[in-house]
Amino acid sequence: MALNRDFPAHSALADTRGTGRICDRLRRHTGRDAVAVDALSGSLLLGGAVALRIWCDIAWLAALVLTTPFSELLQALRWLRVPAILVDTLAMMYRYAFLLHEEFVRMRTAGQSRGGWCGYARMVRTIGRITAQIFMRAFDRSERISCAMFARGGQ
């Protein structure tokens, strides 16, 4: 076990795993205290733990969504007493996500047939135009659906 010569052996900065050399280099190059490296390494461990936890949560959520029919997920949310407005919104989003995807595929095919995919800059411009058009169509569709719901006595 090599000790950092700048600090006594009982110091928290004693070199037990080679960190003393890193601390010395950091102090020489930045002029900052070496304790920042110890705090940073603890923060990195905590950040890594948080990132791993998020990754695990996303993995199990993806497994759940990919193996369970969406109607059963909605029933489970109702059973868990999730507010009805949220469950209904999720159901409508699920339904219209596929419609928007179909529109995007049709518009992309039309753009490709007109030469909109020749070169990177032209492709980016075409995708931007398609995306803007899809947002406009989605807004128009939402207004038509809202009017139809009001006409049938919705709120």
N, C-alpha and C. Protein backbone atom coordinates (compact mmCIF):
# COMPACT_ATOMS: atom_id res chain seq x y z
N MET A 1 0.84 -1.16 0.00
CA MET A 1 0.00 0.00 0.00
C MET A 1 0.90 1.24 0.00
N ALA A 2 0.86 1.98 -1.07
CA ALA A 2 1.66 3.19 -1.19
C ALA A 2 0.86 4.36 -0.66
N LEU A 3 1.53 5.23 0.07
CA LEU A 3 0.85 6.40 0.63
C LEU A 3 1.20 7.63 -0.19
N ASN A 4 0.28 8.52 -0.26
CA ASN A 4 0.52 9.80 -0.92
C ASN A 4 1.45 10.61 -0.03
N ARG A 5 2.55 11.09 -0.57
CA ARG A 5 3.57 11.77 0.23
C ARG A 5 3.10 13.14 0.73
N ASP A 6 2.13 13.76 0.06
CA ASP A 6 1.68 15.08 0.47
C ASP A 6 0.76 15.04 1.69
N PHE A 7 0.19 13.90 1.98
CA PHE A 7 -0.77 13.79 3.06
C PHE A 7 -0.32 12.72 4.04
N PRO A 8 -0.59 12.88 5.32
CA PRO A 8 -0.21 11.86 6.29
C PRO A 8 -1.00 10.57 6.08
N ALA A 9 -0.50 9.48 6.65
CA ALA A 9 -1.11 8.17 6.46
C ALA A 9 -2.54 8.11 7.00
N HIS A 10 -2.84 8.88 8.03
CA HIS A 10 -4.19 8.84 8.60
C HIS A 10 -5.17 9.71 7.82
N SER A 11 -4.69 10.39 6.79
CA SER A 11 -5.55 11.28 6.02
C SER A 11 -6.53 10.46 5.18
N ALA A 12 -7.65 11.08 4.88
CA ALA A 12 -8.64 10.43 4.03
C ALA A 12 -8.15 10.31 2.60
N LEU A 13 -7.08 11.05 2.26
CA LEU A 13 -6.57 11.02 0.91
C LEU A 13 -5.36 10.09 0.76
N ALA A 14 -5.17 9.19 1.71
CA ALA A 14 -4.08 8.23 1.58
C ALA A 14 -4.35 7.37 0.37
N ASP A 15 -3.31 7.05 -0.37
CA ASP A 15 -3.46 6.33 -1.63
C ASP A 15 -3.57 4.84 -1.37
N THR A 16 -4.78 4.32 -1.42
CA THR A 16 -4.96 2.89 -1.21
C THR A 16 -5.22 2.17 -2.52
N ARG A 17 -5.72 2.86 -3.53
CA ARG A 17 -6.00 2.22 -4.81
C ARG A 17 -5.48 3.04 -5.96
N GLY A 18 -4.46 3.79 -5.78
CA GLY A 18 -3.90 4.58 -6.86
C GLY A 18 -4.58 5.91 -7.08
N THR A 19 -5.52 6.27 -6.19
CA THR A 19 -6.23 7.53 -6.39
C THR A 19 -5.39 8.72 -6.03
N GLY A 20 -4.32 8.52 -5.21
CA GLY A 20 -3.47 9.64 -4.81
C GLY A 20 -2.77 10.26 -5.99
N ARG A 21 -2.33 9.43 -6.94
CA ARG A 21 -1.68 9.96 -8.13
C ARG A 21 -2.65 10.78 -8.96
N ILE A 22 -3.88 10.31 -9.03
CA ILE A 22 -4.90 11.06 -9.77
C ILE A 22 -5.17 12.39 -9.08
N CYS A 23 -5.24 12.35 -7.74
CA CYS A 23 -5.47 13.59 -6.99
C CYS A 23 -4.33 14.58 -7.19
N ASP A 24 -3.08 14.06 -7.18
CA ASP A 24 -1.92 14.94 -7.39
C ASP A 24 -1.98 15.58 -8.78
N ARG A 25 -2.26 14.79 -9.78
CA ARG A 25 -2.33 15.32 -11.15
C ARG A 25 -3.44 16.37 -11.26
N LEU A 26 -4.57 16.07 -10.65
CA LEU A 26 -5.69 17.02 -10.70
C LEU A 26 -5.30 18.33 -10.03
N ARG A 27 -4.63 18.26 -8.86
CA ARG A 27 -4.23 19.47 -8.15
C ARG A 27 -3.21 20.26 -8.96
N ARG A 28 -2.25 19.56 -9.59
CA ARG A 28 -1.23 20.25 -10.37
C ARG A 28 -1.82 20.94 -11.60
N HIS A 29 -2.72 20.28 -12.29
CA HIS A 29 -3.24 20.81 -13.55
C HIS A 29 -4.38 21.80 -13.36
N THR A 30 -5.18 21.61 -12.33
CA THR A 30 -6.34 22.49 -12.18
C THR A 30 -6.21 23.44 -11.02
N GLY A 31 -5.32 23.15 -10.08
CA GLY A 31 -5.18 24.00 -8.92
C GLY A 31 -6.28 23.79 -7.89
N ARG A 32 -7.12 22.79 -8.09
CA ARG A 32 -8.20 22.52 -7.16
C ARG A 32 -7.79 21.46 -6.16
N ASP A 33 -8.52 21.40 -5.08
CA ASP A 33 -8.23 20.44 -4.03
C ASP A 33 -8.57 19.03 -4.49
N ALA A 34 -7.82 18.06 -4.03
CA ALA A 34 -7.99 16.67 -4.44
C ALA A 34 -9.23 16.04 -3.84
N VAL A 35 -9.82 16.64 -2.83
CA VAL A 35 -11.01 16.08 -2.22
C VAL A 35 -12.16 16.04 -3.21
N ALA A 36 -12.13 16.93 -4.20
CA ALA A 36 -13.20 16.97 -5.21
C ALA A 36 -13.27 15.65 -5.96
N VAL A 37 -12.13 14.99 -6.16
CA VAL A 37 -12.15 13.71 -6.87
C VAL A 37 -12.88 12.67 -6.05
N ASP A 38 -12.66 12.66 -4.73
CA ASP A 38 -13.36 11.70 -3.88
C ASP A 38 -14.86 11.96 -3.90
N ALA A 39 -15.27 13.21 -3.84
CA ALA A 39 -16.69 13.54 -3.91
C ALA A 39 -17.25 13.18 -5.28
N LEU A 40 -16.45 13.43 -6.31
CA LEU A 40 -16.89 13.11 -7.66
C LEU A 40 -17.06 11.61 -7.85
N SER A 41 -16.14 10.81 -7.31
CA SER A 41 -16.25 9.37 -7.47
C SER A 41 -17.48 8.84 -6.76
N GLY A 42 -17.83 9.42 -5.60
CA GLY A 42 -19.06 9.02 -4.92
C GLY A 42 -20.28 9.40 -5.73
N SER A 43 -20.23 10.57 -6.35
CA SER A 43 -21.34 11.01 -7.19
C SER A 43 -21.47 10.13 -8.42
N LEU A 44 -20.34 9.72 -8.97
CA LEU A 44 -20.38 8.83 -10.13
C LEU A 44 -20.99 7.49 -9.77
N LEU A 45 -20.64 6.97 -8.59
CA LEU A 45 -21.25 5.70 -8.16
C LEU A 45 -22.75 5.85 -7.98
N LEU A 46 -23.17 6.94 -7.35
CA LEU A 46 -24.59 7.17 -7.16
C LEU A 46 -25.29 7.35 -8.50
N GLY A 47 -24.67 8.12 -9.39
CA GLY A 47 -25.25 8.30 -10.73
C GLY A 47 -25.35 6.98 -11.49
N GLY A 48 -24.33 6.15 -11.37
CA GLY A 48 -24.37 4.84 -12.02
C GLY A 48 -25.47 3.96 -11.46
N ALA A 49 -25.66 4.01 -10.13
CA ALA A 49 -26.73 3.23 -9.52
C ALA A 49 -28.10 3.70 -9.99
N VAL A 50 -28.26 5.01 -10.09
CA VAL A 50 -29.54 5.56 -10.57
C VAL A 50 -29.78 5.15 -12.02
N ALA A 51 -28.74 5.26 -12.85
CA ALA A 51 -28.87 4.88 -14.25
C ALA A 51 -29.21 3.40 -14.39
N LEU A 52 -28.58 2.54 -13.58
CA LEU A 52 -28.88 1.11 -13.63
C LEU A 52 -30.31 0.84 -13.21
N ARG A 53 -30.77 1.55 -12.19
CA ARG A 53 -32.15 1.36 -11.75
C ARG A 53 -33.14 1.79 -12.82
N ILE A 54 -32.88 2.91 -13.48
CA ILE A 54 -33.75 3.37 -14.56
C ILE A 54 -33.76 2.37 -15.70
N TRP A 55 -32.58 1.85 -16.04
CA TRP A 55 -32.50 0.86 -17.12
C TRP A 55 -33.30 -0.39 -16.77
N CYS A 56 -33.20 -0.86 -15.53
CA CYS A 56 -33.96 -2.04 -15.11
C CYS A 56 -35.47 -1.77 -15.15
N ASP A 57 -35.88 -0.58 -14.72
CA ASP A 57 -37.30 -0.23 -14.76
C ASP A 57 -37.82 -0.20 -16.19
N ILE A 58 -37.05 0.36 -17.09
CA ILE A 58 -37.46 0.40 -18.49
C ILE A 58 -37.51 -1.00 -19.08
N ALA A 59 -36.57 -1.86 -18.68
CA ALA A 59 -36.55 -3.23 -19.20
C ALA A 59 -37.79 -4.01 -18.77
N TRP A 60 -38.16 -3.93 -17.48
CA TRP A 60 -39.34 -4.68 -17.07
C TRP A 60 -40.62 -4.08 -17.63
N LEU A 61 -40.64 -2.75 -17.78
CA LEU A 61 -41.81 -2.11 -18.37
C LEU A 61 -41.97 -2.52 -19.84
N ALA A 62 -40.85 -2.57 -20.56
CA ALA A 62 -40.91 -3.02 -21.96
C ALA A 62 -41.37 -4.47 -22.05
N ALA A 63 -40.87 -5.31 -21.15
CA ALA A 63 -41.29 -6.72 -21.15
C ALA A 63 -42.79 -6.82 -20.88
N LEU A 64 -43.28 -6.02 -19.96
CA LEU A 64 -44.72 -6.04 -19.64
C LEU A 64 -45.55 -5.57 -20.83
N VAL A 65 -45.15 -4.47 -21.44
CA VAL A 65 -45.92 -3.91 -22.55
C VAL A 65 -45.86 -4.81 -23.78
N LEU A 66 -44.71 -5.42 -24.02
CA LEU A 66 -44.57 -6.26 -25.22
C LEU A 66 -45.24 -7.62 -25.09
N THR A 67 -45.54 -8.06 -23.87
CA THR A 67 -46.12 -9.39 -23.70
C THR A 67 -47.59 -9.36 -23.27
N THR A 68 -48.14 -8.19 -23.00
CA THR A 68 -49.51 -8.08 -22.53
C THR A 68 -50.33 -7.28 -23.54
N PRO A 69 -51.50 -7.78 -23.92
CA PRO A 69 -52.35 -6.99 -24.82
C PRO A 69 -52.71 -5.66 -24.19
N PHE A 70 -52.82 -4.63 -25.04
CA PHE A 70 -53.04 -3.28 -24.54
C PHE A 70 -54.38 -3.16 -23.81
N SER A 71 -55.39 -3.89 -24.26
CA SER A 71 -56.69 -3.82 -23.57
C SER A 71 -56.57 -4.34 -22.14
N GLU A 72 -55.73 -5.36 -21.92
CA GLU A 72 -55.54 -5.86 -20.55
C GLU A 72 -54.76 -4.86 -19.70
N LEU A 73 -53.82 -4.14 -20.33
CA LEU A 73 -53.11 -3.10 -19.58
C LEU A 73 -54.08 -2.00 -19.14
N LEU A 74 -55.01 -1.64 -20.03
CA LEU A 74 -55.99 -0.62 -19.67
C LEU A 74 -56.91 -1.12 -18.55
N GLN A 75 -57.30 -2.40 -18.60
CA GLN A 75 -58.12 -2.96 -17.53
C GLN A 75 -57.35 -2.96 -16.20
N ALA A 76 -56.06 -3.27 -16.26
CA ALA A 76 -55.25 -3.27 -15.04
C ALA A 76 -55.15 -1.85 -14.47
N LEU A 77 -55.01 -0.86 -15.34
CA LEU A 77 -54.95 0.52 -14.87
C LEU A 77 -56.28 0.93 -14.22
N ARG A 78 -57.39 0.49 -14.80
CA ARG A 78 -58.70 0.79 -14.19
C ARG A 78 -58.82 0.10 -12.84
N TRP A 79 -58.34 -1.17 -12.75
CA TRP A 79 -58.39 -1.91 -11.50
C TRP A 79 -57.53 -1.23 -10.42
N LEU A 80 -56.41 -0.63 -10.86
CA LEU A 80 -55.55 0.09 -9.93
C LEU A 80 -56.08 1.48 -9.60
N ARG A 81 -57.26 1.80 -10.11
CA ARG A 81 -57.96 3.06 -9.87
C ARG A 81 -57.18 4.28 -10.37
N VAL A 82 -56.55 4.10 -11.53
CA VAL A 82 -55.93 5.24 -12.20
C VAL A 82 -57.08 6.09 -12.72
N PRO A 83 -57.00 7.41 -12.63
CA PRO A 83 -58.12 8.26 -13.08
C PRO A 83 -58.58 7.90 -14.50
N ALA A 84 -59.90 7.88 -14.66
CA ALA A 84 -60.49 7.45 -15.92
C ALA A 84 -60.05 8.32 -17.09
N ILE A 85 -59.87 9.61 -16.86
CA ILE A 85 -59.46 10.51 -17.94
C ILE A 85 -58.08 10.11 -18.47
N LEU A 86 -57.20 9.67 -17.58
CA LEU A 86 -55.86 9.25 -18.00
C LEU A 86 -55.92 7.94 -18.79
N VAL A 87 -56.73 6.99 -18.33
CA VAL A 87 -56.86 5.72 -19.03
C VAL A 87 -57.48 5.94 -20.41
N ASP A 88 -58.50 6.78 -20.49
CA ASP A 88 -59.14 7.07 -21.77
C ASP A 88 -58.17 7.78 -22.71
N THR A 89 -57.38 8.69 -22.17
CA THR A 89 -56.39 9.39 -22.99
C THR A 89 -55.36 8.41 -23.54
N LEU A 90 -54.89 7.48 -22.70
CA LEU A 90 -53.94 6.46 -23.17
C LEU A 90 -54.55 5.60 -24.27
N ALA A 91 -55.83 5.24 -24.11
CA ALA A 91 -56.49 4.42 -25.13
C ALA A 91 -56.57 5.17 -26.46
N MET A 92 -56.92 6.44 -26.41
CA MET A 92 -57.00 7.22 -27.65
C MET A 92 -55.63 7.44 -28.27
N MET A 93 -54.62 7.68 -27.42
CA MET A 93 -53.26 7.85 -27.94
C MET A 93 -52.79 6.57 -28.63
N TYR A 94 -53.10 5.43 -28.04
CA TYR A 94 -52.70 4.15 -28.63
C TYR A 94 -53.37 3.96 -29.99
N ARG A 95 -54.64 4.29 -30.05
CA ARG A 95 -55.38 4.14 -31.31
C ARG A 95 -54.82 5.06 -32.40
N TYR A 96 -54.59 6.31 -32.06
CA TYR A 96 -54.18 7.27 -33.08
C TYR A 96 -52.70 7.24 -33.38
N ALA A 97 -51.91 6.62 -32.55
CA ALA A 97 -50.48 6.48 -32.87
C ALA A 97 -50.31 5.65 -34.13
N PHE A 98 -51.12 4.61 -34.27
CA PHE A 98 -51.03 3.78 -35.47
C PHE A 98 -51.51 4.52 -36.71
N LEU A 99 -52.55 5.33 -36.56
CA LEU A 99 -53.01 6.13 -37.70
C LEU A 99 -51.95 7.13 -38.14
N LEU A 100 -51.30 7.79 -37.18
CA LEU A 100 -50.25 8.73 -37.53
C LEU A 100 -49.06 8.03 -38.17
N HIS A 101 -48.75 6.84 -37.71
CA HIS A 101 -47.65 6.08 -38.32
C HIS A 101 -47.98 5.71 -39.76
N GLU A 102 -49.21 5.28 -39.99
CA GLU A 102 -49.62 4.95 -41.36
C GLU A 102 -49.53 6.17 -42.27
N GLU A 103 -49.95 7.32 -41.77
CA GLU A 103 -49.85 8.54 -42.57
C GLU A 103 -48.39 8.88 -42.86
N PHE A 104 -47.53 8.72 -41.86
CA PHE A 104 -46.11 8.99 -42.07
C PHE A 104 -45.54 8.06 -43.14
N VAL A 105 -45.89 6.79 -43.09
CA VAL A 105 -45.38 5.83 -44.09
C VAL A 105 -45.85 6.22 -45.49
N ARG A 106 -47.12 6.59 -45.61
CA ARG A 106 -47.63 7.00 -46.92
C ARG A 106 -46.92 8.25 -47.43
N MET A 107 -46.73 9.23 -46.55
CA MET A 107 -46.07 10.47 -46.96
C MET A 107 -44.59 10.24 -47.26
N ARG A 108 -43.95 9.33 -46.53
CA ARG A 108 -42.55 9.03 -46.81
C ARG A 108 -42.41 8.36 -48.17
N THR A 109 -43.33 7.46 -48.48
CA THR A 109 -43.31 6.81 -49.80
C THR A 109 -43.50 7.84 -50.90
N ALA A 110 -44.42 8.77 -50.69
CA ALA A 110 -44.63 9.83 -51.68
C ALA A 110 -43.38 10.70 -51.82
N GLY A 111 -42.73 11.01 -50.70
CA GLY A 111 -41.51 11.80 -50.76
C GLY A 111 -40.38 11.08 -51.47
N GLN A 112 -40.27 9.77 -51.23
CA GLN A 112 -39.24 8.99 -51.90
C GLN A 112 -39.48 8.92 -53.40
N SER A 113 -40.74 8.80 -53.79
CA SER A 113 -41.04 8.71 -55.21
C SER A 113 -40.79 10.04 -55.93
N ARG A 114 -40.80 11.14 -55.19
CA ARG A 114 -40.53 12.45 -55.78
C ARG A 114 -39.07 12.87 -55.64
N GLY A 115 -38.23 11.96 -55.16
CA GLY A 115 -36.80 12.26 -55.05
C GLY A 115 -36.41 13.00 -53.80
N GLY A 116 -37.23 12.91 -52.76
CA GLY A 116 -36.95 13.63 -51.52
C GLY A 116 -35.91 12.97 -50.65
N TRP A 117 -35.39 11.84 -51.07
CA TRP A 117 -34.40 11.12 -50.27
C TRP A 117 -33.03 11.12 -50.94
N CYS A 118 -32.82 12.00 -51.89
CA CYS A 118 -31.54 12.08 -52.61
C CYS A 118 -30.62 13.02 -51.85
N GLY A 119 -29.75 12.48 -51.04
CA GLY A 119 -28.83 13.31 -50.27
C GLY A 119 -29.34 13.55 -48.86
N TYR A 120 -28.40 13.76 -47.96
CA TYR A 120 -28.74 13.90 -46.54
C TYR A 120 -29.55 15.17 -46.28
N ALA A 121 -29.13 16.29 -46.83
CA ALA A 121 -29.82 17.56 -46.56
C ALA A 121 -31.26 17.51 -47.08
N ARG A 122 -31.44 16.94 -48.25
CA ARG A 122 -32.79 16.85 -48.82
C ARG A 122 -33.66 15.90 -48.00
N MET A 123 -33.06 14.82 -47.50
CA MET A 123 -33.80 13.87 -46.68
C MET A 123 -34.26 14.53 -45.38
N VAL A 124 -33.38 15.29 -44.74
CA VAL A 124 -33.74 15.97 -43.50
C VAL A 124 -34.85 16.98 -43.75
N ARG A 125 -34.75 17.72 -44.84
CA ARG A 125 -35.78 18.70 -45.18
C ARG A 125 -37.12 18.00 -45.43
N THR A 126 -37.09 16.88 -46.14
CA THR A 126 -38.33 16.15 -46.44
C THR A 126 -38.95 15.60 -45.16
N ILE A 127 -38.14 15.05 -44.27
CA ILE A 127 -38.67 14.52 -43.01
C ILE A 127 -39.26 15.65 -42.17
N GLY A 128 -38.62 16.81 -42.16
CA GLY A 128 -39.17 17.96 -41.44
C GLY A 128 -40.52 18.38 -41.99
N ARG A 129 -40.63 18.41 -43.30
CA ARG A 129 -41.92 18.78 -43.90
C ARG A 129 -43.00 17.75 -43.61
N ILE A 130 -42.62 16.47 -43.67
CA ILE A 130 -43.59 15.41 -43.38
C ILE A 130 -44.04 15.51 -41.92
N THR A 131 -43.11 15.74 -41.01
CA THR A 131 -43.45 15.84 -39.59
C THR A 131 -44.38 17.02 -39.34
N ALA A 132 -44.10 18.15 -39.94
CA ALA A 132 -44.97 19.32 -39.78
C ALA A 132 -46.36 19.02 -40.32
N GLN A 133 -46.43 18.37 -41.47
CA GLN A 133 -47.72 18.04 -42.06
C GLN A 133 -48.50 17.06 -41.18
N ILE A 134 -47.80 16.11 -40.58
CA ILE A 134 -48.48 15.14 -39.71
C ILE A 134 -49.02 15.84 -38.47
N PHE A 135 -48.25 16.78 -37.89
CA PHE A 135 -48.76 17.51 -36.73
C PHE A 135 -50.00 18.32 -37.10
N MET A 136 -49.99 18.93 -38.27
CA MET A 136 -51.16 19.71 -38.70
C MET A 136 -52.36 18.80 -38.90
N ARG A 137 -52.15 17.66 -39.52
CA ARG A 137 -53.25 16.72 -39.73
C ARG A 137 -53.77 16.17 -38.41
N ALA A 138 -52.85 15.88 -37.47
CA ALA A 138 -53.28 15.37 -36.17
C ALA A 138 -54.12 16.41 -35.44
N PHE A 139 -53.73 17.67 -35.53
CA PHE A 139 -54.51 18.74 -34.89
C PHE A 139 -55.90 18.84 -35.53
N ASP A 140 -55.95 18.80 -36.86
CA ASP A 140 -57.25 18.84 -37.54
C ASP A 140 -58.12 17.65 -37.15
N ARG A 141 -57.51 16.46 -37.09
CA ARG A 141 -58.27 15.26 -36.72
C ARG A 141 -58.78 15.39 -35.29
N SER A 142 -57.97 15.93 -34.39
CA SER A 142 -58.42 16.06 -32.99
C SER A 142 -59.60 17.03 -32.90
N GLU A 143 -59.59 18.08 -33.70
CA GLU A 143 -60.72 19.01 -33.70
C GLU A 143 -61.99 18.34 -34.23
N ARG A 144 -61.85 17.55 -35.30
CA ARG A 144 -63.02 16.84 -35.84
C ARG A 144 -63.57 15.84 -34.83
N ILE A 145 -62.68 15.14 -34.13
CA ILE A 145 -63.12 14.16 -33.13
C ILE A 145 -63.81 14.88 -31.97
N SER A 146 -63.26 16.01 -31.56
CA SER A 146 -63.87 16.78 -30.47
C SER A 146 -65.27 17.24 -30.85
N CYS A 147 -65.43 17.73 -32.07
CA CYS A 147 -66.76 18.16 -32.54
C CYS A 147 -67.72 16.98 -32.57
N ALA A 148 -67.24 15.83 -33.02
CA ALA A 148 -68.11 14.65 -33.09
C ALA A 148 -68.51 14.21 -31.69
N MET A 149 -67.60 14.29 -30.73
CA MET A 149 -67.93 13.90 -29.35
C MET A 149 -68.95 14.85 -28.75
N PHE A 150 -68.80 16.17 -29.00
CA PHE A 150 -69.77 17.13 -28.51
C PHE A 150 -71.14 16.91 -29.14
N ALA A 151 -71.16 16.54 -30.43
CA ALA A 151 -72.42 16.32 -31.11
C ALA A 151 -73.16 15.11 -30.54
N ARG A 152 -72.40 14.16 -30.00
CA ARG A 152 -73.02 12.95 -29.41
C ARG A 152 -73.27 13.09 -27.92
N GLY A 153 -73.11 14.30 -27.40
CA GLY A 153 -73.41 14.54 -25.99
C GLY A 153 -72.20 14.44 -25.07
N GLY A 154 -71.01 14.43 -25.62
CA GLY A 154 -69.80 14.38 -24.78
C GLY A 154 -69.55 15.71 -24.10
N GLN A 155 -68.60 15.73 -23.23
CA GLN A 155 -68.32 16.96 -22.49
C GLN A 155 -67.04 17.59 -22.96
